[in-house]
């Protein structure tokens, strides 16, 4: 049984994002020809997630993509170096609860229980 395609919207710093769970072969899950578990499109304020993933991997992918979306929405540029470590920690400390709540909203809307 295939999981369905679902959509949910959320707001981050006044920007309205749309999250959609799609089948693995969806073109929106490809970046430069490579298949991805999830993709964030900043220009369109959209996130696409592979709905065929197991629950834990789906949740990890939701969180990963939400960090991209929230960091973009709040103007935090995630670059792996010492100068950005503290701002990223501050950002996560300030917004992790909101990311967690949004993750649960997406899980409820996009991940079907009992489907493997």
PDB file of N, CA and C in Angstrom:
ATOM      1  N   UNK A   1       0.844  -1.184   0.000  1.00  0.00           N
ATOM      2  CA  UNK A   1       0.000   0.000   0.000  1.00  0.00           C
ATOM      3  C   UNK A   1       0.887   1.244   0.000  1.00  0.00           C
ATOM      4  N   UNK A   2       0.618   2.155  -0.891  1.00  0.00           N
ATOM      5  CA  UNK A   2       1.406   3.386  -0.977  1.00  0.00           C
ATOM      6  C   UNK A   2       0.841   4.445  -0.043  1.00  0.00           C
ATOM      7  N   UNK A   3       1.732   5.222   0.498  1.00  0.00           N
ATOM      8  CA  UNK A   3       1.315   6.358   1.311  1.00  0.00           C
ATOM      9  C   UNK A   3       0.845   7.453   0.382  1.00  0.00           C
ATOM     10  N   UNK A   4      -0.129   8.209   0.833  1.00  0.00           N
ATOM     11  CA  UNK A   4      -0.697   9.255  -0.005  1.00  0.00           C
ATOM     12  C   UNK A   4       0.128  10.520  -0.032  1.00  0.00           C
ATOM     13  N   UNK A   5      -0.204  11.361  -0.987  1.00  0.00           N
ATOM     14  CA  UNK A   5       0.418  12.673  -1.100  1.00  0.00           C
ATOM     15  C   UNK A   5      -0.383  13.622  -0.220  1.00  0.00           C
ATOM     16  N   UNK A   6       0.292  14.292   0.697  1.00  0.00           N
ATOM     17  CA  UNK A   6      -0.367  15.202   1.629  1.00  0.00           C
ATOM     18  C   UNK A   6       0.367  16.533   1.657  1.00  0.00           C
ATOM     19  N   UNK A   7      -0.387  17.583   2.032  1.00  0.00           N
ATOM     20  CA  UNK A   7       0.191  18.924   2.135  1.00  0.00           C
ATOM     21  C   UNK A   7      -0.166  19.529   3.483  1.00  0.00           C
ATOM     22  N   UNK A   8       0.723  20.387   3.966  1.00  0.00           N
ATOM     23  CA  UNK A   8       0.461  21.164   5.169  1.00  0.00           C
ATOM     24  C   UNK A   8       1.231  22.474   5.034  1.00  0.00           C
ATOM     25  N   UNK A   9       0.694  23.533   5.630  1.00  0.00           N
ATOM     26  CA  UNK A   9       1.369  24.835   5.616  1.00  0.00           C
ATOM     27  C   UNK A   9       1.757  25.208   7.036  1.00  0.00           C
ATOM     28  N   UNK A  10       2.829  25.996   7.141  1.00  0.00           N
ATOM     29  CA  UNK A  10       3.242  26.542   8.427  1.00  0.00           C
ATOM     30  C   UNK A  10       3.869  27.906   8.189  1.00  0.00           C
ATOM     31  N   UNK A  11       3.955  28.676   9.258  1.00  0.00           N
ATOM     32  CA  UNK A  11       4.518  30.017   9.167  1.00  0.00           C
ATOM     33  C   UNK A  11       5.806  30.080   9.974  1.00  0.00           C
ATOM     34  N   UNK A  12       6.827  30.693   9.393  1.00  0.00           N
ATOM     35  CA  UNK A  12       8.102  30.929  10.076  1.00  0.00           C
ATOM     36  C   UNK A  12       8.507  32.370   9.810  1.00  0.00           C
ATOM     37  N   UNK A  13       8.535  33.175  10.864  1.00  0.00           N
ATOM     38  CA  UNK A  13       8.906  34.590  10.761  1.00  0.00           C
ATOM     39  C   UNK A  13       8.074  35.319   9.701  1.00  0.00           C
ATOM     40  N   UNK A  14       6.795  35.006   9.667  1.00  0.00           N
ATOM     41  CA  UNK A  14       5.874  35.675   8.752  1.00  0.00           C
ATOM     42  C   UNK A  14       5.814  35.077   7.358  1.00  0.00           C
ATOM     43  N   UNK A  15       6.703  34.154   7.032  1.00  0.00           N
ATOM     44  CA  UNK A  15       6.694  33.505   5.719  1.00  0.00           C
ATOM     45  C   UNK A  15       5.848  32.236   5.788  1.00  0.00           C
ATOM     46  N   UNK A  16       4.967  32.069   4.822  1.00  0.00           N
ATOM     47  CA  UNK A  16       4.112  30.882   4.791  1.00  0.00           C
ATOM     48  C   UNK A  16       4.739  29.838   3.871  1.00  0.00           C
ATOM     49  N   UNK A  17       5.100  28.728   4.470  1.00  0.00           N
ATOM     50  CA  UNK A  17       5.726  27.610   3.769  1.00  0.00           C
ATOM     51  C   UNK A  17       4.688  26.529   3.505  1.00  0.00           C
ATOM     52  N   UNK A  18       4.890  25.794   2.423  1.00  0.00           N
ATOM     53  CA  UNK A  18       4.055  24.633   2.127  1.00  0.00           C
ATOM     54  C   UNK A  18       4.947  23.400   2.118  1.00  0.00           C
ATOM     55  N   UNK A  19       4.500  22.370   2.832  1.00  0.00           N
ATOM     56  CA  UNK A  19       5.222  21.105   2.891  1.00  0.00           C
ATOM     57  C   UNK A  19       4.356  20.054   2.217  1.00  0.00           C
ATOM     58  N   UNK A  20       4.984  19.265   1.373  1.00  0.00           N
ATOM     59  CA  UNK A  20       4.238  18.238   0.652  1.00  0.00           C
ATOM     60  C   UNK A  20       5.005  16.927   0.698  1.00  0.00           C
ATOM     61  N   UNK A  21       4.308  15.858   1.074  1.00  0.00           N
ATOM     62  CA  UNK A  21       4.914  14.531   0.993  1.00  0.00           C
ATOM     63  C   UNK A  21       4.552  13.953  -0.370  1.00  0.00           C
ATOM     64  N   UNK A  22       5.559  13.468  -1.074  1.00  0.00           N
ATOM     65  CA  UNK A  22       5.378  12.997  -2.448  1.00  0.00           C
ATOM     66  C   UNK A  22       6.043  11.632  -2.622  1.00  0.00           C
ATOM     67  N   UNK A  23       5.697  10.962  -3.696  1.00  0.00           N
ATOM     68  CA  UNK A  23       6.313   9.674  -4.009  1.00  0.00           C
ATOM     69  C   UNK A  23       7.797   9.870  -4.340  1.00  0.00           C
ATOM     70  N   UNK A  24       8.573   8.853  -4.075  1.00  0.00           N
ATOM     71  CA  UNK A  24      10.028   8.898  -4.241  1.00  0.00           C
ATOM     72  C   UNK A  24      10.469   9.331  -5.640  1.00  0.00           C
ATOM     73  N   UNK A  25       9.696   8.994  -6.672  1.00  0.00           N
ATOM     74  CA  UNK A  25      10.098   9.311  -8.047  1.00  0.00           C
ATOM     75  C   UNK A  25       9.720  10.726  -8.487  1.00  0.00           C
ATOM     76  N   UNK A  26       9.167  11.527  -7.579  1.00  0.00           N
ATOM     77  CA  UNK A  26       8.776  12.901  -7.907  1.00  0.00           C
ATOM     78  C   UNK A  26      10.014  13.736  -8.251  1.00  0.00           C
ATOM     79  N   UNK A  27       9.923  14.497  -9.320  1.00  0.00           N
ATOM     80  CA  UNK A  27      11.054  15.327  -9.775  1.00  0.00           C
ATOM     81  C   UNK A  27      11.483  16.357  -8.728  1.00  0.00           C
ATOM     82  N   UNK A  28      10.579  16.774  -7.849  1.00  0.00           N
ATOM     83  CA  UNK A  28      10.916  17.762  -6.818  1.00  0.00           C
ATOM     84  C   UNK A  28      11.910  17.203  -5.798  1.00  0.00           C
ATOM     85  N   UNK A  29      12.081  15.887  -5.762  1.00  0.00           N
ATOM     86  CA  UNK A  29      13.037  15.268  -4.842  1.00  0.00           C
ATOM     87  C   UNK A  29      14.408  15.066  -5.477  1.00  0.00           C
ATOM     88  N   UNK A  30      14.617  15.659  -6.636  1.00  0.00           N
ATOM     89  CA  UNK A  30      15.913  15.558  -7.312  1.00  0.00           C
ATOM     90  C   UNK A  30      16.602  16.919  -7.332  1.00  0.00           C
ATOM     91  N   UNK A  31      17.877  16.917  -6.965  1.00  0.00           N
ATOM     92  CA  UNK A  31      18.692  18.125  -7.006  1.00  0.00           C
ATOM     93  C   UNK A  31      19.931  17.805  -7.831  1.00  0.00           C
ATOM     94  N   UNK A  32      20.075  18.499  -8.940  1.00  0.00           N
ATOM     95  CA  UNK A  32      21.194  18.269  -9.862  1.00  0.00           C
ATOM     96  C   UNK A  32      21.311  16.793 -10.231  1.00  0.00           C
ATOM     97  N   UNK A  33      20.158  16.163 -10.477  1.00  0.00           N
ATOM     98  CA  UNK A  33      20.117  14.767 -10.889  1.00  0.00           C
ATOM     99  C   UNK A  33      20.195  13.747  -9.768  1.00  0.00           C
ATOM    100  N   UNK A  34      20.508  14.192  -8.559  1.00  0.00           N
ATOM    101  CA  UNK A  34      20.623  13.275  -7.422  1.00  0.00           C
ATOM    102  C   UNK A  34      19.294  13.182  -6.675  1.00  0.00           C
ATOM    103  N   UNK A  35      18.910  11.961  -6.305  1.00  0.00           N
ATOM    104  CA  UNK A  35      17.681  11.762  -5.542  1.00  0.00           C
ATOM    105  C   UNK A  35      17.921  12.131  -4.083  1.00  0.00           C
ATOM    106  N   UNK A  36      16.935  12.798  -3.485  1.00  0.00           N
ATOM    107  CA  UNK A  36      17.034  13.251  -2.096  1.00  0.00           C
ATOM    108  C   UNK A  36      15.853  12.719  -1.291  1.00  0.00           C
ATOM    109  N   UNK A  37      16.015  12.671   0.023  1.00  0.00           N
ATOM    110  CA  UNK A  37      14.929  12.274   0.917  1.00  0.00           C
ATOM    111  C   UNK A  37      13.954  13.423   1.124  1.00  0.00           C
ATOM    112  N   UNK A  38      14.472  14.637   1.042  1.00  0.00           N
ATOM    113  CA  UNK A  38      13.673  15.847   1.176  1.00  0.00           C
ATOM    114  C   UNK A  38      14.421  17.001   0.535  1.00  0.00           C
ATOM    115  N   UNK A  39      13.671  17.988   0.067  1.00  0.00           N
ATOM    116  CA  UNK A  39      14.287  19.150  -0.576  1.00  0.00           C
ATOM    117  C   UNK A  39      13.529  20.398  -0.153  1.00  0.00           C
ATOM    118  N   UNK A  40      14.281  21.453   0.183  1.00  0.00           N
ATOM    119  CA  UNK A  40      13.706  22.753   0.517  1.00  0.00           C
ATOM    120  C   UNK A  40      13.978  23.712  -0.630  1.00  0.00           C
ATOM    121  N   UNK A  41      12.905  24.311  -1.141  1.00  0.00           N
ATOM    122  CA  UNK A  41      13.010  25.307  -2.209  1.00  0.00           C
ATOM    123  C   UNK A  41      12.750  26.679  -1.588  1.00  0.00           C
ATOM    124  N   UNK A  42      13.830  27.411  -1.332  1.00  0.00           N
ATOM    125  CA  UNK A  42      13.726  28.699  -0.650  1.00  0.00           C
ATOM    126  C   UNK A  42      12.914  29.710  -1.440  1.00  0.00           C
ATOM    127  N   UNK A  43      13.161  29.811  -2.724  1.00  0.00           N
ATOM    128  CA  UNK A  43      12.500  30.809  -3.565  1.00  0.00           C
ATOM    129  C   UNK A  43      10.981  30.626  -3.573  1.00  0.00           C
ATOM    130  N   UNK A  44      10.542  29.369  -3.540  1.00  0.00           N
ATOM    131  CA  UNK A  44       9.111  29.063  -3.597  1.00  0.00           C
ATOM    132  C   UNK A  44       8.496  28.811  -2.227  1.00  0.00           C
ATOM    133  N   UNK A  45       9.316  28.826  -1.174  1.00  0.00           N
ATOM    134  CA  UNK A  45       8.870  28.528   0.189  1.00  0.00           C
ATOM    135  C   UNK A  45       8.149  27.183   0.239  1.00  0.00           C
ATOM    136  N   UNK A  46       8.804  26.172  -0.325  1.00  0.00           N
ATOM    137  CA  UNK A  46       8.235  24.831  -0.382  1.00  0.00           C
ATOM    138  C   UNK A  46       9.245  23.794   0.093  1.00  0.00           C
ATOM    139  N   UNK A  47       8.706  22.759   0.731  1.00  0.00           N
ATOM    140  CA  UNK A  47       9.500  21.607   1.147  1.00  0.00           C
ATOM    141  C   UNK A  47       8.814  20.366   0.588  1.00  0.00           C
ATOM    142  N   UNK A  48       9.613  19.485   0.010  1.00  0.00           N
ATOM    143  CA  UNK A  48       9.098  18.218  -0.497  1.00  0.00           C
ATOM    144  C   UNK A  48       9.777  17.085   0.257  1.00  0.00           C
ATOM    145  N   UNK A  49       8.976  16.098   0.684  1.00  0.00           N
ATOM    146  CA  UNK A  49       9.458  14.977   1.482  1.00  0.00           C
ATOM    147  C   UNK A  49       9.070  13.661   0.820  1.00  0.00           C
ATOM    148  N   UNK A  50       9.966  12.692   0.879  1.00  0.00           N
ATOM    149  CA  UNK A  50       9.707  11.358   0.339  1.00  0.00           C
ATOM    150  C   UNK A  50       8.757  10.619   1.281  1.00  0.00           C
ATOM    151  N   UNK A  51       7.514  10.401   0.837  1.00  0.00           N
ATOM    152  CA  UNK A  51       6.503   9.776   1.695  1.00  0.00           C
ATOM    153  C   UNK A  51       6.695   8.268   1.841  1.00  0.00           C
ATOM    154  N   UNK A  52       7.666   7.688   1.149  1.00  0.00           N
ATOM    155  CA  UNK A  52       7.880   6.241   1.245  1.00  0.00           C
ATOM    156  C   UNK A  52       8.900   5.869   2.321  1.00  0.00           C
ATOM    157  N   UNK A  53       9.439   6.864   3.002  1.00  0.00           N
ATOM    158  CA  UNK A  53      10.453   6.603   4.033  1.00  0.00           C
ATOM    159  C   UNK A  53       9.830   5.958   5.265  1.00  0.00           C
ATOM    160  N   UNK A  54      10.609   5.160   6.006  1.00  0.00           N
ATOM    161  CA  UNK A  54      10.143   4.666   7.302  1.00  0.00           C
ATOM    162  C   UNK A  54       9.917   5.859   8.243  1.00  0.00           C
ATOM    163  N   UNK A  55       9.062   5.676   9.236  1.00  0.00           N
ATOM    164  CA  UNK A  55       8.638   6.774  10.115  1.00  0.00           C
ATOM    165  C   UNK A  55       9.807   7.555  10.720  1.00  0.00           C
ATOM    166  N   UNK A  56      10.786   6.879  11.315  1.00  0.00           N
ATOM    167  CA  UNK A  56      11.886   7.597  11.974  1.00  0.00           C
ATOM    168  C   UNK A  56      12.713   8.390  10.977  1.00  0.00           C
ATOM    169  N   UNK A  57      12.985   7.817   9.819  1.00  0.00           N
ATOM    170  CA  UNK A  57      13.752   8.529   8.802  1.00  0.00           C
ATOM    171  C   UNK A  57      12.940   9.693   8.233  1.00  0.00           C
ATOM    172  N   UNK A  58      11.628   9.491   8.089  1.00  0.00           N
ATOM    173  CA  UNK A  58      10.754  10.574   7.636  1.00  0.00           C
ATOM    174  C   UNK A  58      10.820  11.735   8.630  1.00  0.00           C
ATOM    175  N   UNK A  59      10.718  11.422   9.932  1.00  0.00           N
ATOM    176  CA  UNK A  59      10.776  12.463  10.971  1.00  0.00           C
ATOM    177  C   UNK A  59      12.122  13.190  10.941  1.00  0.00           C
ATOM    178  N   UNK A  60      13.215  12.464  10.825  1.00  0.00           N
ATOM    179  CA  UNK A  60      14.535  13.090  10.754  1.00  0.00           C
ATOM    180  C   UNK A  60      14.640  14.002   9.536  1.00  0.00           C
ATOM    181  N   UNK A  61      14.050  13.579   8.442  1.00  0.00           N
ATOM    182  CA  UNK A  61      14.070  14.389   7.221  1.00  0.00           C
ATOM    183  C   UNK A  61      13.220  15.636   7.390  1.00  0.00           C
ATOM    184  N   UNK A  62      12.063  15.503   8.047  1.00  0.00           N
ATOM    185  CA  UNK A  62      11.220  16.674   8.339  1.00  0.00           C
ATOM    186  C   UNK A  62      12.027  17.694   9.131  1.00  0.00           C
ATOM    187  N   UNK A  63      12.667  17.248  10.204  1.00  0.00           N
ATOM    188  CA  UNK A  63      13.452  18.160  11.046  1.00  0.00           C
ATOM    189  C   UNK A  63      14.586  18.788  10.239  1.00  0.00           C
ATOM    190  N   UNK A  64      15.296  17.993   9.465  1.00  0.00           N
ATOM    191  CA  UNK A  64      16.400  18.502   8.646  1.00  0.00           C
ATOM    192  C   UNK A  64      15.917  19.613   7.716  1.00  0.00           C
ATOM    193  N   UNK A  65      14.820  19.368   7.009  1.00  0.00           N
ATOM    194  CA  UNK A  65      14.309  20.367   6.061  1.00  0.00           C
ATOM    195  C   UNK A  65      13.741  21.585   6.788  1.00  0.00           C
ATOM    196  N   UNK A  66      13.127  21.374   7.953  1.00  0.00           N
ATOM    197  CA  UNK A  66      12.625  22.522   8.723  1.00  0.00           C
ATOM    198  C   UNK A  66      13.764  23.416   9.196  1.00  0.00           C
ATOM    199  N   UNK A  67      14.898  22.839   9.543  1.00  0.00           N
ATOM    200  CA  UNK A  67      16.047  23.660   9.938  1.00  0.00           C
ATOM    201  C   UNK A  67      16.475  24.534   8.767  1.00  0.00           C
ATOM    202  N   UNK A  68      16.483  23.967   7.556  1.00  0.00           N
ATOM    203  CA  UNK A  68      16.773  24.786   6.371  1.00  0.00           C
ATOM    204  C   UNK A  68      15.754  25.918   6.247  1.00  0.00           C
ATOM    205  N   UNK A  69      14.476  25.587   6.354  1.00  0.00           N
ATOM    206  CA  UNK A  69      13.413  26.583   6.171  1.00  0.00           C
ATOM    207  C   UNK A  69      13.452  27.662   7.250  1.00  0.00           C
ATOM    208  N   UNK A  70      13.606  27.259   8.509  1.00  0.00           N
ATOM    209  CA  UNK A  70      13.620  28.233   9.596  1.00  0.00           C
ATOM    210  C   UNK A  70      14.873  29.098   9.538  1.00  0.00           C
ATOM    211  N   UNK A  71      16.026  28.507   9.223  1.00  0.00           N
ATOM    212  CA  UNK A  71      17.243  29.320   9.144  1.00  0.00           C
ATOM    213  C   UNK A  71      17.128  30.340   8.020  1.00  0.00           C
ATOM    214  N   UNK A  72      16.557  29.954   6.889  1.00  0.00           N
ATOM    215  CA  UNK A  72      16.322  30.898   5.793  1.00  0.00           C
ATOM    216  C   UNK A  72      15.337  31.982   6.229  1.00  0.00           C
ATOM    217  N   UNK A  73      14.232  31.572   6.846  1.00  0.00           N
ATOM    218  CA  UNK A  73      13.180  32.513   7.234  1.00  0.00           C
ATOM    219  C   UNK A  73      13.659  33.548   8.244  1.00  0.00           C
ATOM    220  N   UNK A  74      14.589  33.156   9.109  1.00  0.00           N
ATOM    221  CA  UNK A  74      15.091  34.065  10.135  1.00  0.00           C
ATOM    222  C   UNK A  74      16.447  34.665   9.770  1.00  0.00           C
ATOM    223  N   UNK A  75      16.908  34.429   8.535  1.00  0.00           N
ATOM    224  CA  UNK A  75      18.142  35.059   8.063  1.00  0.00           C
ATOM    225  C   UNK A  75      19.413  34.489   8.643  1.00  0.00           C
ATOM    226  N   UNK A  76      19.366  33.257   9.140  1.00  0.00           N
ATOM    227  CA  UNK A  76      20.557  32.611   9.685  1.00  0.00           C
ATOM    228  C   UNK A  76      21.168  31.762   8.577  1.00  0.00           C
ATOM    229  N   UNK A  77      22.423  31.985   8.282  1.00  0.00           N
ATOM    230  CA  UNK A  77      23.094  31.235   7.226  1.00  0.00           C
ATOM    231  C   UNK A  77      23.930  30.131   7.852  1.00  0.00           C
ATOM    232  N   UNK A  78      23.522  28.886   7.593  1.00  0.00           N
ATOM    233  CA  UNK A  78      24.228  27.745   8.174  1.00  0.00           C
ATOM    234  C   UNK A  78      25.467  27.409   7.353  1.00  0.00           C
ATOM    235  N   UNK A  79      26.610  27.816   7.877  1.00  0.00           N
ATOM    236  CA  UNK A  79      27.891  27.511   7.258  1.00  0.00           C
ATOM    237  C   UNK A  79      28.730  26.843   8.339  1.00  0.00           C
ATOM    238  N   UNK A  80      29.280  25.696   8.014  1.00  0.00           N
ATOM    239  CA  UNK A  80      30.018  24.932   9.024  1.00  0.00           C
ATOM    240  C   UNK A  80      31.387  25.545   9.289  1.00  0.00           C
ATOM    241  N   UNK A  81      31.437  26.481  10.241  1.00  0.00           N
ATOM    242  CA  UNK A  81      32.714  27.009  10.710  1.00  0.00           C
ATOM    243  C   UNK A  81      32.529  27.556  12.116  1.00  0.00           C
ATOM    244  N   UNK A  82      33.643  27.867  12.778  1.00  0.00           N
ATOM    245  CA  UNK A  82      33.587  28.300  14.175  1.00  0.00           C
ATOM    246  C   UNK A  82      32.803  29.591  14.361  1.00  0.00           C
ATOM    247  N   UNK A  83      32.831  30.469  13.375  1.00  0.00           N
ATOM    248  CA  UNK A  83      32.136  31.752  13.508  1.00  0.00           C
ATOM    249  C   UNK A  83      30.620  31.595  13.551  1.00  0.00           C
ATOM    250  N   UNK A  84      30.106  30.505  13.000  1.00  0.00           N
ATOM    251  CA  UNK A  84      28.649  30.327  12.965  1.00  0.00           C
ATOM    252  C   UNK A  84      28.128  29.382  14.038  1.00  0.00           C
ATOM    253  N   UNK A  85      29.015  28.709  14.748  1.00  0.00           N
ATOM    254  CA  UNK A  85      28.562  27.718  15.726  1.00  0.00           C
ATOM    255  C   UNK A  85      27.637  28.324  16.780  1.00  0.00           C
ATOM    256  N   UNK A  86      28.046  29.415  17.406  1.00  0.00           N
ATOM    257  CA  UNK A  86      27.221  30.026  18.451  1.00  0.00           C
ATOM    258  C   UNK A  86      25.893  30.570  17.918  1.00  0.00           C
ATOM    259  N   UNK A  87      25.891  31.298  16.795  1.00  0.00           N
ATOM    260  CA  UNK A  87      24.599  31.753  16.273  1.00  0.00           C
ATOM    261  C   UNK A  87      23.650  30.599  15.940  1.00  0.00           C
ATOM    262  N   UNK A  88      24.190  29.498  15.425  1.00  0.00           N
ATOM    263  CA  UNK A  88      23.335  28.347  15.126  1.00  0.00           C
ATOM    264  C   UNK A  88      22.779  27.764  16.422  1.00  0.00           C
ATOM    265  N   UNK A  89      23.627  27.653  17.436  1.00  0.00           N
ATOM    266  CA  UNK A  89      23.150  27.161  18.737  1.00  0.00           C
ATOM    267  C   UNK A  89      22.094  28.087  19.320  1.00  0.00           C
ATOM    268  N   UNK A  90      22.318  29.390  19.214  1.00  0.00           N
ATOM    269  CA  UNK A  90      21.320  30.353  19.691  1.00  0.00           C
ATOM    270  C   UNK A  90      20.011  30.202  18.925  1.00  0.00           C
ATOM    271  N   UNK A  91      20.125  30.073  17.616  1.00  0.00           N
ATOM    272  CA  UNK A  91      18.939  29.896  16.772  1.00  0.00           C
ATOM    273  C   UNK A  91      18.163  28.646  17.188  1.00  0.00           C
ATOM    274  N   UNK A  92      18.865  27.528  17.344  1.00  0.00           N
ATOM    275  CA  UNK A  92      18.197  26.282  17.722  1.00  0.00           C
ATOM    276  C   UNK A  92      17.582  26.398  19.111  1.00  0.00           C
ATOM    277  N   UNK A  93      18.295  27.034  20.023  1.00  0.00           N
ATOM    278  CA  UNK A  93      17.754  27.220  21.364  1.00  0.00           C
ATOM    279  C   UNK A  93      16.483  28.049  21.367  1.00  0.00           C
ATOM    280  N   UNK A  94      16.427  29.036  20.483  1.00  0.00           N
ATOM    281  CA  UNK A  94      15.262  29.922  20.410  1.00  0.00           C
ATOM    282  C   UNK A  94      14.088  29.320  19.653  1.00  0.00           C
ATOM    283  N   UNK A  95      14.358  28.476  18.670  1.00  0.00           N
ATOM    284  CA  UNK A  95      13.289  28.045  17.762  1.00  0.00           C
ATOM    285  C   UNK A  95      13.034  26.545  17.721  1.00  0.00           C
ATOM    286  N   UNK A  96      13.795  25.753  18.490  1.00  0.00           N
ATOM    287  CA  UNK A  96      13.615  24.308  18.415  1.00  0.00           C
ATOM    288  C   UNK A  96      12.204  23.881  18.813  1.00  0.00           C
ATOM    289  N   UNK A  97      11.630  24.513  19.837  1.00  0.00           N
ATOM    290  CA  UNK A  97      10.263  24.146  20.234  1.00  0.00           C
ATOM    291  C   UNK A  97       9.277  24.385  19.099  1.00  0.00           C
ATOM    292  N   UNK A  98       9.440  25.497  18.373  1.00  0.00           N
ATOM    293  CA  UNK A  98       8.562  25.792  17.238  1.00  0.00           C
ATOM    294  C   UNK A  98       8.787  24.772  16.116  1.00  0.00           C
ATOM    295  N   UNK A  99      10.041  24.410  15.880  1.00  0.00           N
ATOM    296  CA  UNK A  99      10.353  23.393  14.875  1.00  0.00           C
ATOM    297  C   UNK A  99       9.744  22.053  15.301  1.00  0.00           C
ATOM    298  N   UNK A 100       9.861  21.714  16.572  1.00  0.00           N
ATOM    299  CA  UNK A 100       9.301  20.473  17.100  1.00  0.00           C
ATOM    300  C   UNK A 100       7.784  20.439  16.910  1.00  0.00           C
ATOM    301  N   UNK A 101       7.097  21.522  17.254  1.00  0.00           N
ATOM    302  CA  UNK A 101       5.645  21.602  17.086  1.00  0.00           C
ATOM    303  C   UNK A 101       5.261  21.470  15.620  1.00  0.00           C
ATOM    304  N   UNK A 102       5.989  22.137  14.740  1.00  0.00           N
ATOM    305  CA  UNK A 102       5.707  22.065  13.305  1.00  0.00           C
ATOM    306  C   UNK A 102       5.987  20.664  12.775  1.00  0.00           C
ATOM    307  N   UNK A 103       7.054  20.015  13.279  1.00  0.00           N
ATOM    308  CA  UNK A 103       7.354  18.639  12.882  1.00  0.00           C
ATOM    309  C   UNK A 103       6.178  17.730  13.212  1.00  0.00           C
ATOM    310  N   UNK A 104       5.635  17.858  14.420  1.00  0.00           N
ATOM    311  CA  UNK A 104       4.500  17.031  14.822  1.00  0.00           C
ATOM    312  C   UNK A 104       3.277  17.302  13.956  1.00  0.00           C
ATOM    313  N   UNK A 105       3.057  18.562  13.587  1.00  0.00           N
ATOM    314  CA  UNK A 105       1.942  18.923  12.707  1.00  0.00           C
ATOM    315  C   UNK A 105       2.104  18.245  11.347  1.00  0.00           C
ATOM    316  N   UNK A 106       3.319  18.268  10.810  1.00  0.00           N
ATOM    317  CA  UNK A 106       3.587  17.645   9.512  1.00  0.00           C
ATOM    318  C   UNK A 106       3.464  16.127   9.615  1.00  0.00           C
ATOM    319  N   UNK A 107       3.990  15.546  10.693  1.00  0.00           N
ATOM    320  CA  UNK A 107       3.876  14.102  10.877  1.00  0.00           C
ATOM    321  C   UNK A 107       2.410  13.679  10.907  1.00  0.00           C
ATOM    322  N   UNK A 108       1.578  14.420  11.625  1.00  0.00           N
ATOM    323  CA  UNK A 108       0.155  14.087  11.720  1.00  0.00           C
ATOM    324  C   UNK A 108      -0.538  14.205  10.369  1.00  0.00           C
ATOM    325  N   UNK A 109      -0.128  15.175   9.572  1.00  0.00           N
ATOM    326  CA  UNK A 109      -0.781  15.415   8.284  1.00  0.00           C
ATOM    327  C   UNK A 109      -0.211  14.570   7.150  1.00  0.00           C
ATOM    328  N   UNK A 110       1.072  14.246   7.218  1.00  0.00           N
ATOM    329  CA  UNK A 110       1.745  13.652   6.055  1.00  0.00           C
ATOM    330  C   UNK A 110       2.190  12.205   6.219  1.00  0.00           C
ATOM    331  N   UNK A 111       2.260  11.688   7.441  1.00  0.00           N
ATOM    332  CA  UNK A 111       2.718  10.319   7.635  1.00  0.00           C
ATOM    333  C   UNK A 111       1.548   9.475   8.100  1.00  0.00           C
ATOM    334  N   UNK A 112       1.214   8.465   7.323  1.00  0.00           N
ATOM    335  CA  UNK A 112       0.070   7.619   7.639  1.00  0.00           C
ATOM    336  C   UNK A 112       0.494   6.502   8.586  1.00  0.00           C
ATOM    337  N   UNK A 113      -0.209   6.389   9.713  1.00  0.00           N
ATOM    338  CA  UNK A 113       0.087   5.355  10.701  1.00  0.00           C
ATOM    339  C   UNK A 113      -0.261   3.986  10.135  1.00  0.00           C
ATOM    340  N   UNK A 114       0.563   3.009  10.466  1.00  0.00           N
ATOM    341  CA  UNK A 114       0.284   1.637  10.077  1.00  0.00           C
ATOM    342  C   UNK A 114       0.694   1.274   8.661  1.00  0.00           C
ATOM    343  N   UNK A 115       1.200   2.231   7.891  1.00  0.00           N
ATOM    344  CA  UNK A 115       1.633   1.945   6.526  1.00  0.00           C
ATOM    345  C   UNK A 115       3.141   1.748   6.555  1.00  0.00           C
ATOM    346  N   UNK A 116       3.597   0.633   6.038  1.00  0.00           N
ATOM    347  CA  UNK A 116       5.041   0.348   6.041  1.00  0.00           C
ATOM    348  C   UNK A 116       5.582   0.377   4.647  1.00  0.00           C
TER     349      UNK A 116
END
